[in-house]
């Protein structure tokens, strides 16, 4: 079981917390659009998020690189990684 918890916020931030102490580990943002969904990769190296502007955002926790990987014409309500995909 992992020891980190991620939360999506309406101010566009993704917070990463230590699950046991509830201390803030990272504060990540792409823009100020409300994040509606976040999902961890199975390796815990990435978080993918979707926002009100239709953007799919990838947070790389190894390098702190944040990038918009795709834009859709409507808001994103759910994100996820395909299991065992290559």
PDB file of N, CA and C in Angstrom:
ATOM      1  N   UNK A   1       0.835  -1.180   0.000  1.00  0.00           N
ATOM      2  CA  UNK A   1       0.000   0.000   0.000  1.00  0.00           C
ATOM      3  C   UNK A   1       0.873   1.233   0.000  1.00  0.00           C
ATOM      4  N   UNK A   2       0.481   2.238  -0.785  1.00  0.00           N
ATOM      5  CA  UNK A   2       1.232   3.480  -0.874  1.00  0.00           C
ATOM      6  C   UNK A   2       1.081   4.339   0.368  1.00  0.00           C
ATOM      7  N   UNK A   3       1.936   5.306   0.472  1.00  0.00           N
ATOM      8  CA  UNK A   3       1.908   6.196   1.634  1.00  0.00           C
ATOM      9  C   UNK A   3       1.572   7.622   1.241  1.00  0.00           C
ATOM     10  N   UNK A   4       1.150   7.850  -0.023  1.00  0.00           N
ATOM     11  CA  UNK A   4       0.814   9.192  -0.468  1.00  0.00           C
ATOM     12  C   UNK A   4      -0.661   9.270  -0.860  1.00  0.00           C
ATOM     13  N   UNK A   5      -1.232  10.446  -0.677  1.00  0.00           N
ATOM     14  CA  UNK A   5      -2.614  10.733  -1.028  1.00  0.00           C
ATOM     15  C   UNK A   5      -2.605  11.975  -1.906  1.00  0.00           C
ATOM     16  N   UNK A   6      -3.337  11.953  -3.012  1.00  0.00           N
ATOM     17  CA  UNK A   6      -3.443  13.122  -3.889  1.00  0.00           C
ATOM     18  C   UNK A   6      -4.861  13.662  -3.836  1.00  0.00           C
ATOM     19  N   UNK A   7      -4.978  14.983  -3.836  1.00  0.00           N
ATOM     20  CA  UNK A   7      -6.289  15.624  -3.849  1.00  0.00           C
ATOM     21  C   UNK A   7      -6.354  16.629  -4.997  1.00  0.00           C
ATOM     22  N   UNK A   8      -7.507  16.676  -5.665  1.00  0.00           N
ATOM     23  CA  UNK A   8      -7.764  17.635  -6.732  1.00  0.00           C
ATOM     24  C   UNK A   8      -8.523  18.808  -6.134  1.00  0.00           C
ATOM     25  N   UNK A   9      -8.155  20.007  -6.540  1.00  0.00           N
ATOM     26  CA  UNK A   9      -8.766  21.199  -5.944  1.00  0.00           C
ATOM     27  C   UNK A   9      -9.444  22.067  -6.994  1.00  0.00           C
ATOM     28  N   UNK A  10     -10.416  22.833  -6.568  1.00  0.00           N
ATOM     29  CA  UNK A  10     -11.145  23.712  -7.475  1.00  0.00           C
ATOM     30  C   UNK A  10     -10.312  24.914  -7.917  1.00  0.00           C
ATOM     31  N   UNK A  11      -9.187  25.190  -7.259  1.00  0.00           N
ATOM     32  CA  UNK A  11      -8.318  26.296  -7.661  1.00  0.00           C
ATOM     33  C   UNK A  11      -7.247  25.848  -8.664  1.00  0.00           C
ATOM     34  N   UNK A  12      -7.331  24.595  -9.154  1.00  0.00           N
ATOM     35  CA  UNK A  12      -6.408  24.103 -10.154  1.00  0.00           C
ATOM     36  C   UNK A  12      -5.186  23.392  -9.602  1.00  0.00           C
ATOM     37  N   UNK A  13      -5.078  23.279  -8.297  1.00  0.00           N
ATOM     38  CA  UNK A  13      -3.918  22.621  -7.698  1.00  0.00           C
ATOM     39  C   UNK A  13      -4.188  21.149  -7.430  1.00  0.00           C
ATOM     40  N   UNK A  14      -3.131  20.382  -7.524  1.00  0.00           N
ATOM     41  CA  UNK A  14      -3.124  18.990  -7.096  1.00  0.00           C
ATOM     42  C   UNK A  14      -2.157  18.925  -5.923  1.00  0.00           C
ATOM     43  N   UNK A  15      -2.660  18.541  -4.766  1.00  0.00           N
ATOM     44  CA  UNK A  15      -1.820  18.423  -3.578  1.00  0.00           C
ATOM     45  C   UNK A  15      -1.482  16.952  -3.356  1.00  0.00           C
ATOM     46  N   UNK A  16      -0.238  16.705  -3.012  1.00  0.00           N
ATOM     47  CA  UNK A  16       0.205  15.363  -2.658  1.00  0.00           C
ATOM     48  C   UNK A  16       0.588  15.388  -1.186  1.00  0.00           C
ATOM     49  N   UNK A  17      -0.029  14.493  -0.437  1.00  0.00           N
ATOM     50  CA  UNK A  17       0.108  14.458   1.018  1.00  0.00           C
ATOM     51  C   UNK A  17       0.767  13.149   1.467  1.00  0.00           C
ATOM     52  N   UNK A  18       1.460  13.214   2.600  1.00  0.00           N
ATOM     53  CA  UNK A  18       1.861  11.988   3.276  1.00  0.00           C
ATOM     54  C   UNK A  18       0.613  11.458   3.967  1.00  0.00           C
ATOM     55  N   UNK A  19       0.237  10.237   3.661  1.00  0.00           N
ATOM     56  CA  UNK A  19      -1.013   9.668   4.148  1.00  0.00           C
ATOM     57  C   UNK A  19      -1.071   9.579   5.674  1.00  0.00           C
ATOM     58  N   UNK A  20       0.034   9.233   6.296  1.00  0.00           N
ATOM     59  CA  UNK A  20       0.019   8.991   7.743  1.00  0.00           C
ATOM     60  C   UNK A  20       0.124  10.271   8.571  1.00  0.00           C
ATOM     61  N   UNK A  21       0.977  11.197   8.157  1.00  0.00           N
ATOM     62  CA  UNK A  21       1.140  12.427   8.932  1.00  0.00           C
ATOM     63  C   UNK A  21       0.242  13.553   8.427  1.00  0.00           C
ATOM     64  N   UNK A  22      -0.344  13.371   7.230  1.00  0.00           N
ATOM     65  CA  UNK A  22      -1.153  14.385   6.549  1.00  0.00           C
ATOM     66  C   UNK A  22      -0.390  15.683   6.307  1.00  0.00           C
ATOM     67  N   UNK A  23       0.923  15.572   6.163  1.00  0.00           N
ATOM     68  CA  UNK A  23       1.736  16.737   5.819  1.00  0.00           C
ATOM     69  C   UNK A  23       1.816  16.865   4.295  1.00  0.00           C
ATOM     70  N   UNK A  24       1.819  18.101   3.826  1.00  0.00           N
ATOM     71  CA  UNK A  24       1.861  18.384   2.399  1.00  0.00           C
ATOM     72  C   UNK A  24       3.262  18.081   1.861  1.00  0.00           C
ATOM     73  N   UNK A  25       3.324  17.249   0.811  1.00  0.00           N
ATOM     74  CA  UNK A  25       4.596  16.891   0.193  1.00  0.00           C
ATOM     75  C   UNK A  25       4.856  17.748  -1.042  1.00  0.00           C
ATOM     76  N   UNK A  26       3.821  17.902  -1.887  1.00  0.00           N
ATOM     77  CA  UNK A  26       3.954  18.669  -3.129  1.00  0.00           C
ATOM     78  C   UNK A  26       2.675  19.436  -3.409  1.00  0.00           C
ATOM     79  N   UNK A  27       2.841  20.565  -4.081  1.00  0.00           N
ATOM     80  CA  UNK A  27       1.731  21.395  -4.535  1.00  0.00           C
ATOM     81  C   UNK A  27       1.955  21.612  -6.026  1.00  0.00           C
ATOM     82  N   UNK A  28       1.140  20.969  -6.867  1.00  0.00           N
ATOM     83  CA  UNK A  28       1.328  20.984  -8.311  1.00  0.00           C
ATOM     84  C   UNK A  28       0.191  21.735  -8.994  1.00  0.00           C
ATOM     85  N   UNK A  29       0.516  22.456 -10.071  1.00  0.00           N
ATOM     86  CA  UNK A  29      -0.520  23.175 -10.801  1.00  0.00           C
ATOM     87  C   UNK A  29      -0.124  23.335 -12.258  1.00  0.00           C
ATOM     88  N   UNK A  30      -1.122  23.317 -13.131  1.00  0.00           N
ATOM     89  CA  UNK A  30      -0.914  23.615 -14.554  1.00  0.00           C
ATOM     90  C   UNK A  30      -1.507  24.984 -14.882  1.00  0.00           C
ATOM     91  N   UNK A  31      -2.706  25.233 -14.443  1.00  0.00           N
ATOM     92  CA  UNK A  31      -3.357  26.538 -14.566  1.00  0.00           C
ATOM     93  C   UNK A  31      -4.403  26.638 -13.462  1.00  0.00           C
ATOM     94  N   UNK A  32      -5.228  27.653 -13.509  1.00  0.00           N
ATOM     95  CA  UNK A  32      -6.168  27.870 -12.405  1.00  0.00           C
ATOM     96  C   UNK A  32      -7.532  27.224 -12.629  1.00  0.00           C
ATOM     97  N   UNK A  33      -7.689  26.443 -13.690  1.00  0.00           N
ATOM     98  CA  UNK A  33      -8.970  25.786 -13.954  1.00  0.00           C
ATOM     99  C   UNK A  33      -9.192  24.639 -12.965  1.00  0.00           C
ATOM    100  N   UNK A  34     -10.410  24.512 -12.499  1.00  0.00           N
ATOM    101  CA  UNK A  34     -10.772  23.508 -11.494  1.00  0.00           C
ATOM    102  C   UNK A  34     -10.426  22.097 -11.949  1.00  0.00           C
ATOM    103  N   UNK A  35      -9.698  21.351 -11.109  1.00  0.00           N
ATOM    104  CA  UNK A  35      -9.409  19.947 -11.400  1.00  0.00           C
ATOM    105  C   UNK A  35     -10.598  19.117 -10.942  1.00  0.00           C
ATOM    106  N   UNK A  36     -11.111  18.286 -11.842  1.00  0.00           N
ATOM    107  CA  UNK A  36     -12.285  17.463 -11.542  1.00  0.00           C
ATOM    108  C   UNK A  36     -11.928  16.027 -11.220  1.00  0.00           C
ATOM    109  N   UNK A  37     -10.778  15.582 -11.684  1.00  0.00           N
ATOM    110  CA  UNK A  37     -10.415  14.181 -11.542  1.00  0.00           C
ATOM    111  C   UNK A  37      -8.909  14.038 -11.509  1.00  0.00           C
ATOM    112  N   UNK A  38      -8.423  13.116 -10.691  1.00  0.00           N
ATOM    113  CA  UNK A  38      -7.007  12.762 -10.690  1.00  0.00           C
ATOM    114  C   UNK A  38      -6.883  11.256 -10.554  1.00  0.00           C
ATOM    115  N   UNK A  39      -5.777  10.721 -11.055  1.00  0.00           N
ATOM    116  CA  UNK A  39      -5.537   9.287 -10.967  1.00  0.00           C
ATOM    117  C   UNK A  39      -4.033   9.043 -10.910  1.00  0.00           C
ATOM    118  N   UNK A  40      -3.617   8.149 -10.020  1.00  0.00           N
ATOM    119  CA  UNK A  40      -2.221   7.743  -9.916  1.00  0.00           C
ATOM    120  C   UNK A  40      -1.903   6.699 -10.975  1.00  0.00           C
ATOM    121  N   UNK A  41      -0.677   6.728 -11.499  1.00  0.00           N
ATOM    122  CA  UNK A  41      -0.194   5.612 -12.315  1.00  0.00           C
ATOM    123  C   UNK A  41       0.107   4.448 -11.381  1.00  0.00           C
ATOM    124  N   UNK A  42       0.192   3.253 -11.924  1.00  0.00           N
ATOM    125  CA  UNK A  42       0.433   2.086 -11.066  1.00  0.00           C
ATOM    126  C   UNK A  42       1.823   2.092 -10.435  1.00  0.00           C
ATOM    127  N   UNK A  43       2.740   2.892 -10.968  1.00  0.00           N
ATOM    128  CA  UNK A  43       4.088   3.006 -10.397  1.00  0.00           C
ATOM    129  C   UNK A  43       4.216   4.175  -9.422  1.00  0.00           C
ATOM    130  N   UNK A  44       3.164   4.970  -9.281  1.00  0.00           N
ATOM    131  CA  UNK A  44       3.143   6.173  -8.436  1.00  0.00           C
ATOM    132  C   UNK A  44       4.125   7.238  -8.899  1.00  0.00           C
ATOM    133  N   UNK A  45       4.540   7.177 -10.155  1.00  0.00           N
ATOM    134  CA  UNK A  45       5.451   8.183 -10.711  1.00  0.00           C
ATOM    135  C   UNK A  45       4.717   9.326 -11.397  1.00  0.00           C
ATOM    136  N   UNK A  46       3.443   9.095 -11.754  1.00  0.00           N
ATOM    137  CA  UNK A  46       2.669  10.085 -12.489  1.00  0.00           C
ATOM    138  C   UNK A  46       1.290  10.238 -11.866  1.00  0.00           C
ATOM    139  N   UNK A  47       0.748  11.437 -12.024  1.00  0.00           N
ATOM    140  CA  UNK A  47      -0.654  11.697 -11.727  1.00  0.00           C
ATOM    141  C   UNK A  47      -1.238  12.325 -12.984  1.00  0.00           C
ATOM    142  N   UNK A  48      -2.362  11.797 -13.456  1.00  0.00           N
ATOM    143  CA  UNK A  48      -3.059  12.401 -14.577  1.00  0.00           C
ATOM    144  C   UNK A  48      -4.301  13.090 -14.018  1.00  0.00           C
ATOM    145  N   UNK A  49      -4.598  14.269 -14.563  1.00  0.00           N
ATOM    146  CA  UNK A  49      -5.723  15.058 -14.069  1.00  0.00           C
ATOM    147  C   UNK A  49      -6.531  15.583 -15.246  1.00  0.00           C
ATOM    148  N   UNK A  50      -7.800  15.863 -14.986  1.00  0.00           N
ATOM    149  CA  UNK A  50      -8.670  16.481 -15.973  1.00  0.00           C
ATOM    150  C   UNK A  50      -9.298  17.723 -15.369  1.00  0.00           C
ATOM    151  N   UNK A  51      -9.503  18.759 -16.197  1.00  0.00           N
ATOM    152  CA  UNK A  51     -10.033  20.008 -15.652  1.00  0.00           C
ATOM    153  C   UNK A  51     -11.259  20.515 -16.410  1.00  0.00           C
ATOM    154  N   UNK A  52     -11.789  21.642 -15.940  1.00  0.00           N
ATOM    155  CA  UNK A  52     -12.985  22.249 -16.529  1.00  0.00           C
ATOM    156  C   UNK A  52     -12.771  22.727 -17.958  1.00  0.00           C
ATOM    157  N   UNK A  53     -11.534  23.022 -18.336  1.00  0.00           N
ATOM    158  CA  UNK A  53     -11.241  23.526 -19.675  1.00  0.00           C
ATOM    159  C   UNK A  53     -11.049  22.405 -20.697  1.00  0.00           C
ATOM    160  N   UNK A  54     -11.234  21.150 -20.283  1.00  0.00           N
ATOM    161  CA  UNK A  54     -11.091  20.025 -21.196  1.00  0.00           C
ATOM    162  C   UNK A  54      -9.660  19.558 -21.378  1.00  0.00           C
ATOM    163  N   UNK A  55      -8.780  19.981 -20.493  1.00  0.00           N
ATOM    164  CA  UNK A  55      -7.377  19.605 -20.596  1.00  0.00           C
ATOM    165  C   UNK A  55      -7.080  18.354 -19.772  1.00  0.00           C
ATOM    166  N   UNK A  56      -6.261  17.474 -20.355  1.00  0.00           N
ATOM    167  CA  UNK A  56      -5.730  16.326 -19.633  1.00  0.00           C
ATOM    168  C   UNK A  56      -4.284  16.681 -19.293  1.00  0.00           C
ATOM    169  N   UNK A  57      -3.971  16.673 -18.019  1.00  0.00           N
ATOM    170  CA  UNK A  57      -2.688  17.170 -17.530  1.00  0.00           C
ATOM    171  C   UNK A  57      -1.918  16.026 -16.892  1.00  0.00           C
ATOM    172  N   UNK A  58      -0.636  15.952 -17.200  1.00  0.00           N
ATOM    173  CA  UNK A  58       0.221  14.922 -16.635  1.00  0.00           C
ATOM    174  C   UNK A  58       1.235  15.564 -15.697  1.00  0.00           C
ATOM    175  N   UNK A  59       1.227  15.124 -14.453  1.00  0.00           N
ATOM    176  CA  UNK A  59       2.209  15.547 -13.458  1.00  0.00           C
ATOM    177  C   UNK A  59       3.236  14.424 -13.313  1.00  0.00           C
ATOM    178  N   UNK A  60       4.495  14.705 -13.640  1.00  0.00           N
ATOM    179  CA  UNK A  60       5.570  13.729 -13.500  1.00  0.00           C
ATOM    180  C   UNK A  60       6.238  13.967 -12.153  1.00  0.00           C
ATOM    181  N   UNK A  61       6.018  13.087 -11.202  1.00  0.00           N
ATOM    182  CA  UNK A  61       6.529  13.282  -9.847  1.00  0.00           C
ATOM    183  C   UNK A  61       8.023  12.998  -9.735  1.00  0.00           C
ATOM    184  N   UNK A  62       8.620  12.392 -10.742  1.00  0.00           N
ATOM    185  CA  UNK A  62      10.063  12.149 -10.729  1.00  0.00           C
ATOM    186  C   UNK A  62      10.828  13.409 -11.060  1.00  0.00           C
ATOM    187  N   UNK A  63      10.285  14.224 -11.973  1.00  0.00           N
ATOM    188  CA  UNK A  63      10.996  15.398 -12.475  1.00  0.00           C
ATOM    189  C   UNK A  63      10.286  16.720 -12.161  1.00  0.00           C
ATOM    190  N   UNK A  64       9.074  16.644 -11.612  1.00  0.00           N
ATOM    191  CA  UNK A  64       8.210  17.811 -11.379  1.00  0.00           C
ATOM    192  C   UNK A  64       7.779  18.497 -12.674  1.00  0.00           C
ATOM    193  N   UNK A  65       7.902  17.801 -13.807  1.00  0.00           N
ATOM    194  CA  UNK A  65       7.437  18.327 -15.081  1.00  0.00           C
ATOM    195  C   UNK A  65       5.916  18.219 -15.141  1.00  0.00           C
ATOM    196  N   UNK A  66       5.273  19.295 -15.553  1.00  0.00           N
ATOM    197  CA  UNK A  66       3.817  19.329 -15.691  1.00  0.00           C
ATOM    198  C   UNK A  66       3.507  19.697 -17.135  1.00  0.00           C
ATOM    199  N   UNK A  67       2.658  18.920 -17.787  1.00  0.00           N
ATOM    200  CA  UNK A  67       2.351  19.221 -19.175  1.00  0.00           C
ATOM    201  C   UNK A  67       0.901  18.878 -19.495  1.00  0.00           C
ATOM    202  N   UNK A  68       0.339  19.646 -20.424  1.00  0.00           N
ATOM    203  CA  UNK A  68      -0.995  19.349 -20.947  1.00  0.00           C
ATOM    204  C   UNK A  68      -0.793  18.373 -22.094  1.00  0.00           C
ATOM    205  N   UNK A  69      -1.336  17.183 -21.972  1.00  0.00           N
ATOM    206  CA  UNK A  69      -1.087  16.179 -23.009  1.00  0.00           C
ATOM    207  C   UNK A  69      -2.195  16.114 -24.052  1.00  0.00           C
ATOM    208  N   UNK A  70      -3.345  16.700 -23.753  1.00  0.00           N
ATOM    209  CA  UNK A  70      -4.417  16.747 -24.748  1.00  0.00           C
ATOM    210  C   UNK A  70      -5.492  17.737 -24.296  1.00  0.00           C
ATOM    211  N   UNK A  71      -6.154  18.368 -25.270  1.00  0.00           N
ATOM    212  CA  UNK A  71      -7.271  19.264 -24.970  1.00  0.00           C
ATOM    213  C   UNK A  71      -8.508  18.786 -25.707  1.00  0.00           C
ATOM    214  N   UNK A  72      -9.605  18.674 -24.972  1.00  0.00           N
ATOM    215  CA  UNK A  72     -10.894  18.306 -25.527  1.00  0.00           C
ATOM    216  C   UNK A  72     -11.807  19.526 -25.519  1.00  0.00           C
ATOM    217  N   UNK A  73     -12.953  19.438 -26.180  1.00  0.00           N
ATOM    218  CA  UNK A  73     -13.857  20.583 -26.284  1.00  0.00           C
ATOM    219  C   UNK A  73     -14.791  20.744 -25.090  1.00  0.00           C
ATOM    220  N   UNK A  74     -14.780  19.791 -24.164  1.00  0.00           N
ATOM    221  CA  UNK A  74     -15.611  19.919 -22.971  1.00  0.00           C
ATOM    222  C   UNK A  74     -14.828  19.461 -21.744  1.00  0.00           C
ATOM    223  N   UNK A  75     -15.359  19.778 -20.571  1.00  0.00           N
ATOM    224  CA  UNK A  75     -14.627  19.481 -19.339  1.00  0.00           C
ATOM    225  C   UNK A  75     -14.404  17.981 -19.147  1.00  0.00           C
ATOM    226  N   UNK A  76     -13.355  17.656 -18.425  1.00  0.00           N
ATOM    227  CA  UNK A  76     -12.988  16.278 -18.135  1.00  0.00           C
ATOM    228  C   UNK A  76     -13.497  15.925 -16.744  1.00  0.00           C
ATOM    229  N   UNK A  77     -14.296  14.885 -16.658  1.00  0.00           N
ATOM    230  CA  UNK A  77     -14.866  14.464 -15.380  1.00  0.00           C
ATOM    231  C   UNK A  77     -14.193  13.228 -14.793  1.00  0.00           C
ATOM    232  N   UNK A  78     -13.443  12.484 -15.626  1.00  0.00           N
ATOM    233  CA  UNK A  78     -12.800  11.279 -15.132  1.00  0.00           C
ATOM    234  C   UNK A  78     -11.513  11.032 -15.900  1.00  0.00           C
ATOM    235  N   UNK A  79     -10.475  10.620 -15.185  1.00  0.00           N
ATOM    236  CA  UNK A  79      -9.210  10.252 -15.810  1.00  0.00           C
ATOM    237  C   UNK A  79      -8.761   8.911 -15.267  1.00  0.00           C
ATOM    238  N   UNK A  80      -7.891   8.232 -15.990  1.00  0.00           N
ATOM    239  CA  UNK A  80      -7.374   6.956 -15.523  1.00  0.00           C
ATOM    240  C   UNK A  80      -6.260   6.450 -16.409  1.00  0.00           C
ATOM    241  N   UNK A  81      -5.512   5.519 -15.897  1.00  0.00           N
ATOM    242  CA  UNK A  81      -4.470   4.841 -16.657  1.00  0.00           C
ATOM    243  C   UNK A  81      -4.981   3.436 -16.997  1.00  0.00           C
ATOM    244  N   UNK A  82      -4.673   2.972 -18.188  1.00  0.00           N
ATOM    245  CA  UNK A  82      -5.039   1.614 -18.569  1.00  0.00           C
ATOM    246  C   UNK A  82      -4.129   0.644 -17.809  1.00  0.00           C
ATOM    247  N   UNK A  83      -4.682  -0.355 -17.168  1.00  0.00           N
ATOM    248  CA  UNK A  83      -3.850  -1.308 -16.425  1.00  0.00           C
ATOM    249  C   UNK A  83      -2.973  -2.114 -17.367  1.00  0.00           C
ATOM    250  N   UNK A  84      -1.726  -2.292 -16.963  1.00  0.00           N
ATOM    251  CA  UNK A  84      -0.762  -3.114 -17.710  1.00  0.00           C
ATOM    252  C   UNK A  84      -0.588  -2.694 -19.160  1.00  0.00           C
ATOM    253  N   UNK A  85      -0.782  -1.408 -19.450  1.00  0.00           N
ATOM    254  CA  UNK A  85      -0.607  -0.951 -20.833  1.00  0.00           C
ATOM    255  C   UNK A  85       0.864  -0.690 -21.113  1.00  0.00           C
ATOM    256  N   UNK A  86       1.231  -0.857 -22.371  1.00  0.00           N
ATOM    257  CA  UNK A  86       2.627  -0.626 -22.781  1.00  0.00           C
ATOM    258  C   UNK A  86       2.650   0.180 -24.037  1.00  0.00           C
TER     259      UNK A  86
END
